[in-house]
Amino acid sequence: MNKRQKICLFVGTALFAVLGLFPRCWVSAGSGTNPLPRRWFILNNSRAFVIRNHTYFYVQQAVIGLTTVGLVLALRDKNPTEKKDDM
């Protein structure tokens, strides 16, 4: 694995983790109020009623995963140099 592949893998993993911690969701003050869309929301806020958009979350994570795998495969070395042991 070369340096560019490692960078893509690290960025993809970090993006996957960050978007898992701060998912897109709808937030309302209680069960009787209208929810408002929020782009970023910390999951451990106990004062709000949170409705998570699961379909958007799963599609977003799939796109990140497939893009990361595609970039890692696309950035591999065309002619890998093999190290030969001189014995």
PDB file of N, CA and C in Angstrom:
ATOM      1  N   MET A   1       0.859  -1.164   0.000  1.00  0.00           N
ATOM      2  CA  MET A   1       0.000   0.000   0.000  1.00  0.00           C
ATOM      3  C   MET A   1       0.910   1.234   0.000  1.00  0.00           C
ATOM      4  N   ASN A   2       0.696   2.114  -0.966  1.00  0.00           N
ATOM      5  CA  ASN A   2       1.543   3.300  -1.056  1.00  0.00           C
ATOM      6  C   ASN A   2       0.977   4.444  -0.206  1.00  0.00           C
ATOM      7  N   LYS A   3       1.689   5.575  -0.217  1.00  0.00           N
ATOM      8  CA  LYS A   3       1.335   6.696   0.656  1.00  0.00           C
ATOM      9  C   LYS A   3      -0.023   7.296   0.288  1.00  0.00           C
ATOM     10  N   ARG A   4      -0.318   7.417  -0.999  1.00  0.00           N
ATOM     11  CA  ARG A   4      -1.609   7.996  -1.414  1.00  0.00           C
ATOM     12  C   ARG A   4      -2.768   7.113  -0.989  1.00  0.00           C
ATOM     13  N   GLN A   5      -2.596   5.807  -1.067  1.00  0.00           N
ATOM     14  CA  GLN A   5      -3.647   4.899  -0.632  1.00  0.00           C
ATOM     15  C   GLN A   5      -3.884   5.005   0.875  1.00  0.00           C
ATOM     16  N   LYS A   6      -2.808   5.121   1.632  1.00  0.00           N
ATOM     17  CA  LYS A   6      -2.954   5.256   3.083  1.00  0.00           C
ATOM     18  C   LYS A   6      -3.676   6.548   3.457  1.00  0.00           C
ATOM     19  N   ILE A   7      -3.367   7.633   2.742  1.00  0.00           N
ATOM     20  CA  ILE A   7      -4.044   8.910   2.998  1.00  0.00           C
ATOM     21  C   ILE A   7      -5.534   8.795   2.694  1.00  0.00           C
ATOM     22  N   CYS A   8      -5.891   8.188   1.561  1.00  0.00           N
ATOM     23  CA  CYS A   8      -7.308   8.010   1.206  1.00  0.00           C
ATOM     24  C   CYS A   8      -8.028   7.136   2.226  1.00  0.00           C
ATOM     25  N   LEU A   9      -7.371   6.082   2.679  1.00  0.00           N
ATOM     26  CA  LEU A   9      -7.977   5.207   3.668  1.00  0.00           C
ATOM     27  C   LEU A   9      -8.182   5.928   4.996  1.00  0.00           C
ATOM     28  N   PHE A  10      -7.209   6.725   5.405  1.00  0.00           N
ATOM     29  CA  PHE A  10      -7.331   7.491   6.645  1.00  0.00           C
ATOM     30  C   PHE A  10      -8.454   8.527   6.547  1.00  0.00           C
ATOM     31  N   VAL A  11      -8.497   9.274   5.448  1.00  0.00           N
ATOM     32  CA  VAL A  11      -9.535  10.305   5.276  1.00  0.00           C
ATOM     33  C   VAL A  11     -10.922   9.661   5.219  1.00  0.00           C
ATOM     34  N   GLY A  12     -11.053   8.553   4.501  1.00  0.00           N
ATOM     35  CA  GLY A  12     -12.336   7.863   4.428  1.00  0.00           C
ATOM     36  C   GLY A  12     -12.800   7.345   5.774  1.00  0.00           C
ATOM     37  N   THR A  13     -11.877   6.792   6.553  1.00  0.00           N
ATOM     38  CA  THR A  13     -12.213   6.290   7.884  1.00  0.00           C
ATOM     39  C   THR A  13     -12.598   7.434   8.822  1.00  0.00           C
ATOM     40  N   ALA A  14     -11.850   8.531   8.761  1.00  0.00           N
ATOM     41  CA  ALA A  14     -12.164   9.688   9.600  1.00  0.00           C
ATOM     42  C   ALA A  14     -13.525  10.281   9.228  1.00  0.00           C
ATOM     43  N   LEU A  15     -13.808  10.398   7.938  1.00  0.00           N
ATOM     44  CA  LEU A  15     -15.092  10.928   7.494  1.00  0.00           C
ATOM     45  C   LEU A  15     -16.238  10.015   7.913  1.00  0.00           C
ATOM     46  N   PHE A  16     -16.017   8.721   7.797  1.00  0.00           N
ATOM     47  CA  PHE A  16     -17.012   7.732   8.221  1.00  0.00           C
ATOM     48  C   PHE A  16     -17.331   7.890   9.708  1.00  0.00           C
ATOM     49  N   ALA A  17     -16.294   8.073  10.526  1.00  0.00           N
ATOM     50  CA  ALA A  17     -16.488   8.223  11.973  1.00  0.00           C
ATOM     51  C   ALA A  17     -17.163   9.539  12.325  1.00  0.00           C
ATOM     52  N   VAL A  18     -16.732  10.640  11.703  1.00  0.00           N
ATOM     53  CA  VAL A  18     -17.308  11.954  12.012  1.00  0.00           C
ATOM     54  C   VAL A  18     -18.778  12.014  11.627  1.00  0.00           C
ATOM     55  N   LEU A  19     -19.121  11.488  10.462  1.00  0.00           N
ATOM     56  CA  LEU A  19     -20.521  11.522  10.047  1.00  0.00           C
ATOM     57  C   LEU A  19     -21.374  10.533  10.835  1.00  0.00           C
ATOM     58  N   GLY A  20     -20.755   9.537  11.445  1.00  0.00           N
ATOM     59  CA  GLY A  20     -21.490   8.655  12.340  1.00  0.00           C
ATOM     60  C   GLY A  20     -21.776   9.317  13.676  1.00  0.00           C
ATOM     61  N   LEU A  21     -20.859  10.170  14.132  1.00  0.00           N
ATOM     62  CA  LEU A  21     -21.068  10.874  15.400  1.00  0.00           C
ATOM     63  C   LEU A  21     -22.044  12.038  15.267  1.00  0.00           C
ATOM     64  N   PHE A  22     -22.078  12.673  14.106  1.00  0.00           N
ATOM     65  CA  PHE A  22     -22.937  13.831  13.878  1.00  0.00           C
ATOM     66  C   PHE A  22     -23.844  13.573  12.677  1.00  0.00           C
ATOM     67  N   PRO A  23     -24.856  12.712  12.824  1.00  0.00           N
ATOM     68  CA  PRO A  23     -25.711  12.378  11.682  1.00  0.00           C
ATOM     69  C   PRO A  23     -26.719  13.484  11.379  1.00  0.00           C
ATOM     70  N   ARG A  24     -27.259  13.458  10.178  1.00  0.00           N
ATOM     71  CA  ARG A  24     -28.331  14.370   9.811  1.00  0.00           C
ATOM     72  C   ARG A  24     -29.602  13.907  10.518  1.00  0.00           C
ATOM     73  N   CYS A  25     -30.307  14.830  11.132  1.00  0.00           N
ATOM     74  CA  CYS A  25     -31.499  14.454  11.889  1.00  0.00           C
ATOM     75  C   CYS A  25     -32.459  15.637  11.980  1.00  0.00           C
ATOM     76  N   TRP A  26     -33.616  15.361  12.512  1.00  0.00           N
ATOM     77  CA  TRP A  26     -34.636  16.378  12.776  1.00  0.00           C
ATOM     78  C   TRP A  26     -34.727  16.538  14.278  1.00  0.00           C
ATOM     79  N   VAL A  27     -34.832  17.778  14.754  1.00  0.00           N
ATOM     80  CA  VAL A  27     -34.848  18.043  16.194  1.00  0.00           C
ATOM     81  C   VAL A  27     -36.086  18.856  16.547  1.00  0.00           C
ATOM     82  N   SER A  28     -36.759  18.468  17.621  1.00  0.00           N
ATOM     83  CA  SER A  28     -37.879  19.253  18.126  1.00  0.00           C
ATOM     84  C   SER A  28     -37.742  19.371  19.641  1.00  0.00           C
ATOM     85  N   ALA A  29     -38.442  20.338  20.212  1.00  0.00           N
ATOM     86  CA  ALA A  29     -38.359  20.571  21.652  1.00  0.00           C
ATOM     87  C   ALA A  29     -39.142  19.526  22.438  1.00  0.00           C
ATOM     88  N   GLY A  30     -40.054  18.850  21.809  1.00  0.00           N
ATOM     89  CA  GLY A  30     -40.846  17.832  22.484  1.00  0.00           C
ATOM     90  C   GLY A  30     -41.666  17.058  21.479  1.00  0.00           C
ATOM     91  N   SER A  31     -42.464  16.129  21.953  1.00  0.00           N
ATOM     92  CA  SER A  31     -43.221  15.280  21.036  1.00  0.00           C
ATOM     93  C   SER A  31     -44.377  16.023  20.361  1.00  0.00           C
ATOM     94  N   GLY A  32     -44.830  17.167  20.886  1.00  0.00           N
ATOM     95  CA  GLY A  32     -45.954  17.888  20.301  1.00  0.00           C
ATOM     96  C   GLY A  32     -45.563  19.039  19.392  1.00  0.00           C
ATOM     97  N   THR A  33     -44.282  19.297  19.209  1.00  0.00           N
ATOM     98  CA  THR A  33     -43.835  20.431  18.400  1.00  0.00           C
ATOM     99  C   THR A  33     -43.363  19.963  17.032  1.00  0.00           C
ATOM    100  N   ASN A  34     -43.309  20.896  16.103  1.00  0.00           N
ATOM    101  CA  ASN A  34     -42.845  20.565  14.758  1.00  0.00           C
ATOM    102  C   ASN A  34     -41.326  20.415  14.745  1.00  0.00           C
ATOM    103  N   PRO A  35     -40.831  19.331  14.146  1.00  0.00           N
ATOM    104  CA  PRO A  35     -39.374  19.158  14.090  1.00  0.00           C
ATOM    105  C   PRO A  35     -38.740  20.091  13.065  1.00  0.00           C
ATOM    106  N   LEU A  36     -37.559  20.549  13.383  1.00  0.00           N
ATOM    107  CA  LEU A  36     -36.794  21.402  12.489  1.00  0.00           C
ATOM    108  C   LEU A  36     -35.576  20.631  11.985  1.00  0.00           C
ATOM    109  N   PRO A  37     -35.239  20.758  10.698  1.00  0.00           N
ATOM    110  CA  PRO A  37     -34.063  20.032  10.210  1.00  0.00           C
ATOM    111  C   PRO A  37     -32.781  20.642  10.758  1.00  0.00           C
ATOM    112  N   ARG A  38     -31.888  19.805  11.161  1.00  0.00           N
ATOM    113  CA  ARG A  38     -30.574  20.224  11.629  1.00  0.00           C
ATOM    114  C   ARG A  38     -29.542  19.413  10.867  1.00  0.00           C
ATOM    115  N   ARG A  39     -28.571  20.072  10.341  1.00  0.00           N
ATOM    116  CA  ARG A  39     -27.541  19.367   9.590  1.00  0.00           C
ATOM    117  C   ARG A  39     -26.618  18.590  10.518  1.00  0.00           C
ATOM    118  N   TRP A  40     -26.157  19.199  11.594  1.00  0.00           N
ATOM    119  CA  TRP A  40     -25.238  18.558  12.528  1.00  0.00           C
ATOM    120  C   TRP A  40     -25.871  18.600  13.909  1.00  0.00           C
ATOM    121  N   PHE A  41     -25.799  17.524  14.612  1.00  0.00           N
ATOM    122  CA  PHE A  41     -26.407  17.464  15.932  1.00  0.00           C
ATOM    123  C   PHE A  41     -25.665  16.437  16.769  1.00  0.00           C
ATOM    124  N   ILE A  42     -25.281  16.811  17.978  1.00  0.00           N
ATOM    125  CA  ILE A  42     -24.633  15.869  18.876  1.00  0.00           C
ATOM    126  C   ILE A  42     -25.699  14.948  19.450  1.00  0.00           C
ATOM    127  N   LEU A  43     -25.478  13.652  19.385  1.00  0.00           N
ATOM    128  CA  LEU A  43     -26.505  12.685  19.759  1.00  0.00           C
ATOM    129  C   LEU A  43     -26.870  12.698  21.239  1.00  0.00           C
ATOM    130  N   ASN A  44     -26.009  13.153  22.109  1.00  0.00           N
ATOM    131  CA  ASN A  44     -26.265  13.079  23.549  1.00  0.00           C
ATOM    132  C   ASN A  44     -26.899  14.340  24.121  1.00  0.00           C
ATOM    133  N   ASN A  45     -27.723  15.033  23.373  1.00  0.00           N
ATOM    134  CA  ASN A  45     -28.416  16.209  23.880  1.00  0.00           C
ATOM    135  C   ASN A  45     -29.741  15.750  24.480  1.00  0.00           C
ATOM    136  N   SER A  46     -29.889  15.834  25.799  1.00  0.00           N
ATOM    137  CA  SER A  46     -31.069  15.278  26.462  1.00  0.00           C
ATOM    138  C   SER A  46     -32.261  16.229  26.458  1.00  0.00           C
ATOM    139  N   ARG A  47     -32.091  17.467  26.019  1.00  0.00           N
ATOM    140  CA  ARG A  47     -33.197  18.431  26.038  1.00  0.00           C
ATOM    141  C   ARG A  47     -34.059  18.375  24.779  1.00  0.00           C
ATOM    142  N   ALA A  48     -33.648  17.655  23.775  1.00  0.00           N
ATOM    143  CA  ALA A  48     -34.373  17.662  22.503  1.00  0.00           C
ATOM    144  C   ALA A  48     -34.849  16.258  22.147  1.00  0.00           C
ATOM    145  N   PHE A  49     -35.891  16.219  21.364  1.00  0.00           N
ATOM    146  CA  PHE A  49     -36.422  14.972  20.827  1.00  0.00           C
ATOM    147  C   PHE A  49     -35.849  14.808  19.425  1.00  0.00           C
ATOM    148  N   VAL A  50     -35.094  13.755  19.182  1.00  0.00           N
ATOM    149  CA  VAL A  50     -34.352  13.596  17.933  1.00  0.00           C
ATOM    150  C   VAL A  50     -34.996  12.527  17.070  1.00  0.00           C
ATOM    151  N   ILE A  51     -35.219  12.863  15.796  1.00  0.00           N
ATOM    152  CA  ILE A  51     -35.700  11.915  14.804  1.00  0.00           C
ATOM    153  C   ILE A  51     -34.583  11.765  13.785  1.00  0.00           C
ATOM    154  N   ARG A  52     -33.935  10.609  13.766  1.00  0.00           N
ATOM    155  CA  ARG A  52     -32.829  10.402  12.844  1.00  0.00           C
ATOM    156  C   ARG A  52     -33.342   9.913  11.504  1.00  0.00           C
ATOM    157  N   ASN A  53     -32.701  10.378  10.445  1.00  0.00           N
ATOM    158  CA  ASN A  53     -33.035   9.965   9.097  1.00  0.00           C
ATOM    159  C   ASN A  53     -32.133   8.782   8.739  1.00  0.00           C
ATOM    160  N   HIS A  54     -32.619   7.558   9.001  1.00  0.00           N
ATOM    161  CA  HIS A  54     -31.790   6.369   8.830  1.00  0.00           C
ATOM    162  C   HIS A  54     -31.441   6.083   7.380  1.00  0.00           C
ATOM    163  N   THR A  55     -32.372   6.287   6.472  1.00  0.00           N
ATOM    164  CA  THR A  55     -32.101   6.007   5.061  1.00  0.00           C
ATOM    165  C   THR A  55     -30.980   6.895   4.539  1.00  0.00           C
ATOM    166  N   TYR A  56     -31.043   8.173   4.834  1.00  0.00           N
ATOM    167  CA  TYR A  56     -29.996   9.097   4.406  1.00  0.00           C
ATOM    168  C   TYR A  56     -28.653   8.711   5.012  1.00  0.00           C
ATOM    169  N   PHE A  57     -28.661   8.307   6.287  1.00  0.00           N
ATOM    170  CA  PHE A  57     -27.437   7.915   6.984  1.00  0.00           C
ATOM    171  C   PHE A  57     -26.789   6.703   6.322  1.00  0.00           C
ATOM    172  N   TYR A  58     -27.576   5.674   6.021  1.00  0.00           N
ATOM    173  CA  TYR A  58     -27.017   4.458   5.423  1.00  0.00           C
ATOM    174  C   TYR A  58     -26.521   4.702   4.000  1.00  0.00           C
ATOM    175  N   VAL A  59     -27.243   5.492   3.234  1.00  0.00           N
ATOM    176  CA  VAL A  59     -26.790   5.813   1.877  1.00  0.00           C
ATOM    177  C   VAL A  59     -25.505   6.628   1.926  1.00  0.00           C
ATOM    178  N   GLN A  60     -25.436   7.569   2.843  1.00  0.00           N
ATOM    179  CA  GLN A  60     -24.248   8.402   2.994  1.00  0.00           C
ATOM    180  C   GLN A  60     -23.036   7.546   3.375  1.00  0.00           C
ATOM    181  N   GLN A  61     -23.194   6.633   4.301  1.00  0.00           N
ATOM    182  CA  GLN A  61     -22.083   5.778   4.702  1.00  0.00           C
ATOM    183  C   GLN A  61     -21.671   4.830   3.574  1.00  0.00           C
ATOM    184  N   ALA A  62     -22.630   4.340   2.797  1.00  0.00           N
ATOM    185  CA  ALA A  62     -22.304   3.469   1.660  1.00  0.00           C
ATOM    186  C   ALA A  62     -21.512   4.232   0.599  1.00  0.00           C
ATOM    187  N   VAL A  63     -21.909   5.470   0.325  1.00  0.00           N
ATOM    188  CA  VAL A  63     -21.187   6.275  -0.661  1.00  0.00           C
ATOM    189  C   VAL A  63     -19.760   6.550  -0.187  1.00  0.00           C
ATOM    190  N   ILE A  64     -19.584   6.861   1.077  1.00  0.00           N
ATOM    191  CA  ILE A  64     -18.243   7.102   1.620  1.00  0.00           C
ATOM    192  C   ILE A  64     -17.395   5.832   1.515  1.00  0.00           C
ATOM    193  N   GLY A  65     -17.960   4.704   1.889  1.00  0.00           N
ATOM    194  CA  GLY A  65     -17.225   3.440   1.829  1.00  0.00           C
ATOM    195  C   GLY A  65     -16.834   3.057   0.418  1.00  0.00           C
ATOM    196  N   LEU A  66     -17.774   3.151  -0.516  1.00  0.00           N
ATOM    197  CA  LEU A  66     -17.480   2.795  -1.909  1.00  0.00           C
ATOM    198  C   LEU A  66     -16.487   3.753  -2.550  1.00  0.00           C
ATOM    199  N   THR A  67     -16.589   5.031  -2.229  1.00  0.00           N
ATOM    200  CA  THR A  67     -15.641   6.007  -2.770  1.00  0.00           C
ATOM    201  C   THR A  67     -14.244   5.762  -2.224  1.00  0.00           C
ATOM    202  N   THR A  68     -14.148   5.461  -0.945  1.00  0.00           N
ATOM    203  CA  THR A  68     -12.840   5.186  -0.342  1.00  0.00           C
ATOM    204  C   THR A  68     -12.207   3.943  -0.964  1.00  0.00           C
ATOM    205  N   VAL A  69     -12.973   2.882  -1.103  1.00  0.00           N
ATOM    206  CA  VAL A  69     -12.445   1.658  -1.717  1.00  0.00           C
ATOM    207  C   VAL A  69     -12.055   1.909  -3.172  1.00  0.00           C
ATOM    208  N   GLY A  70     -12.870   2.652  -3.902  1.00  0.00           N
ATOM    209  CA  GLY A  70     -12.550   2.973  -5.296  1.00  0.00           C
ATOM    210  C   GLY A  70     -11.278   3.789  -5.428  1.00  0.00           C
ATOM    211  N   LEU A  71     -11.096   4.767  -4.553  1.00  0.00           N
ATOM    212  CA  LEU A  71      -9.869   5.572  -4.606  1.00  0.00           C
ATOM    213  C   LEU A  71      -8.638   4.761  -4.226  1.00  0.00           C
ATOM    214  N   VAL A  72      -8.766   3.898  -3.239  1.00  0.00           N
ATOM    215  CA  VAL A  72      -7.628   3.062  -2.851  1.00  0.00           C
ATOM    216  C   VAL A  72      -7.233   2.140  -4.008  1.00  0.00           C
ATOM    217  N   LEU A  73      -8.217   1.570  -4.683  1.00  0.00           N
ATOM    218  CA  LEU A  73      -7.910   0.701  -5.822  1.00  0.00           C
ATOM    219  C   LEU A  73      -7.382   1.488  -7.015  1.00  0.00           C
ATOM    220  N   ALA A  74      -7.903   2.683  -7.241  1.00  0.00           N
ATOM    221  CA  ALA A  74      -7.470   3.485  -8.387  1.00  0.00           C
ATOM    222  C   ALA A  74      -6.063   4.048  -8.196  1.00  0.00           C
ATOM    223  N   LEU A  75      -5.660   4.273  -6.967  1.00  0.00           N
ATOM    224  CA  LEU A  75      -4.359   4.881  -6.694  1.00  0.00           C
ATOM    225  C   LEU A  75      -3.250   3.864  -6.437  1.00  0.00           C
ATOM    226  N   ARG A  76      -3.511   2.591  -6.696  1.00  0.00           N
ATOM    227  CA  ARG A  76      -2.450   1.604  -6.489  1.00  0.00           C
ATOM    228  C   ARG A  76      -1.385   1.747  -7.572  1.00  0.00           C
ATOM    229  N   ASP A  77      -0.225   1.277  -7.272  1.00  0.00           N
ATOM    230  CA  ASP A  77       0.888   1.372  -8.212  1.00  0.00           C
ATOM    231  C   ASP A  77       0.628   0.484  -9.420  1.00  0.00           C
ATOM    232  N   LYS A  78       0.909   1.024 -10.594  1.00  0.00           N
ATOM    233  CA  LYS A  78       0.709   0.253 -11.828  1.00  0.00           C
ATOM    234  C   LYS A  78       1.731  -0.870 -11.951  1.00  0.00           C
ATOM    235  N   ASN A  79       2.983  -0.544 -11.685  1.00  0.00           N
ATOM    236  CA  ASN A  79       4.064  -1.527 -11.747  1.00  0.00           C
ATOM    237  C   ASN A  79       4.747  -1.603 -10.385  1.00  0.00           C
ATOM    238  N   PRO A  80       4.247  -2.450  -9.515  1.00  0.00           N
ATOM    239  CA  PRO A  80       4.876  -2.518  -8.195  1.00  0.00           C
ATOM    240  C   PRO A  80       6.282  -3.090  -8.302  1.00  0.00           C
ATOM    241  N   THR A  81       7.184  -2.466  -7.608  1.00  0.00           N
ATOM    242  CA  THR A  81       8.555  -2.959  -7.611  1.00  0.00           C
ATOM    243  C   THR A  81       8.687  -4.024  -6.540  1.00  0.00           C
ATOM    244  N   GLU A  82       9.229  -5.146  -6.929  1.00  0.00           N
ATOM    245  CA  GLU A  82       9.402  -6.238  -6.010  1.00  0.00           C
ATOM    246  C   GLU A  82      10.809  -6.215  -5.465  1.00  0.00           C
ATOM    247  N   LYS A  83      10.909  -6.406  -4.180  1.00  0.00           N
ATOM    248  CA  LYS A  83      12.226  -6.441  -3.560  1.00  0.00           C
ATOM    249  C   LYS A  83      12.757  -7.875  -3.643  1.00  0.00           C
ATOM    250  N   LYS A  84      13.954  -8.011  -4.173  1.00  0.00           N
ATOM    251  CA  LYS A  84      14.563  -9.322  -4.280  1.00  0.00           C
ATOM    252  C   LYS A  84      15.672  -9.448  -3.250  1.00  0.00           C
ATOM    253  N   ASP A  85      15.687 -10.560  -2.587  1.00  0.00           N
ATOM    254  CA  ASP A  85      16.738 -10.814  -1.613  1.00  0.00           C
ATOM    255  C   ASP A  85      17.959 -11.376  -2.328  1.00  0.00           C
ATOM    256  N   ASP A  86      19.100 -10.792  -2.079  1.00  0.00           N
ATOM    257  CA  ASP A  86      20.346 -11.278  -2.658  1.00  0.00           C
ATOM    258  C   ASP A  86      20.979 -12.254  -1.684  1.00  0.00           C
ATOM    259  N   MET A  87      20.975 -13.513  -2.047  1.00  0.00           N
ATOM    260  CA  MET A  87      21.565 -14.521  -1.180  1.00  0.00           C
ATOM    261  C   MET A  87      22.706 -15.174  -1.872  1.00  0.00           C
TER     262      MET A  87
END
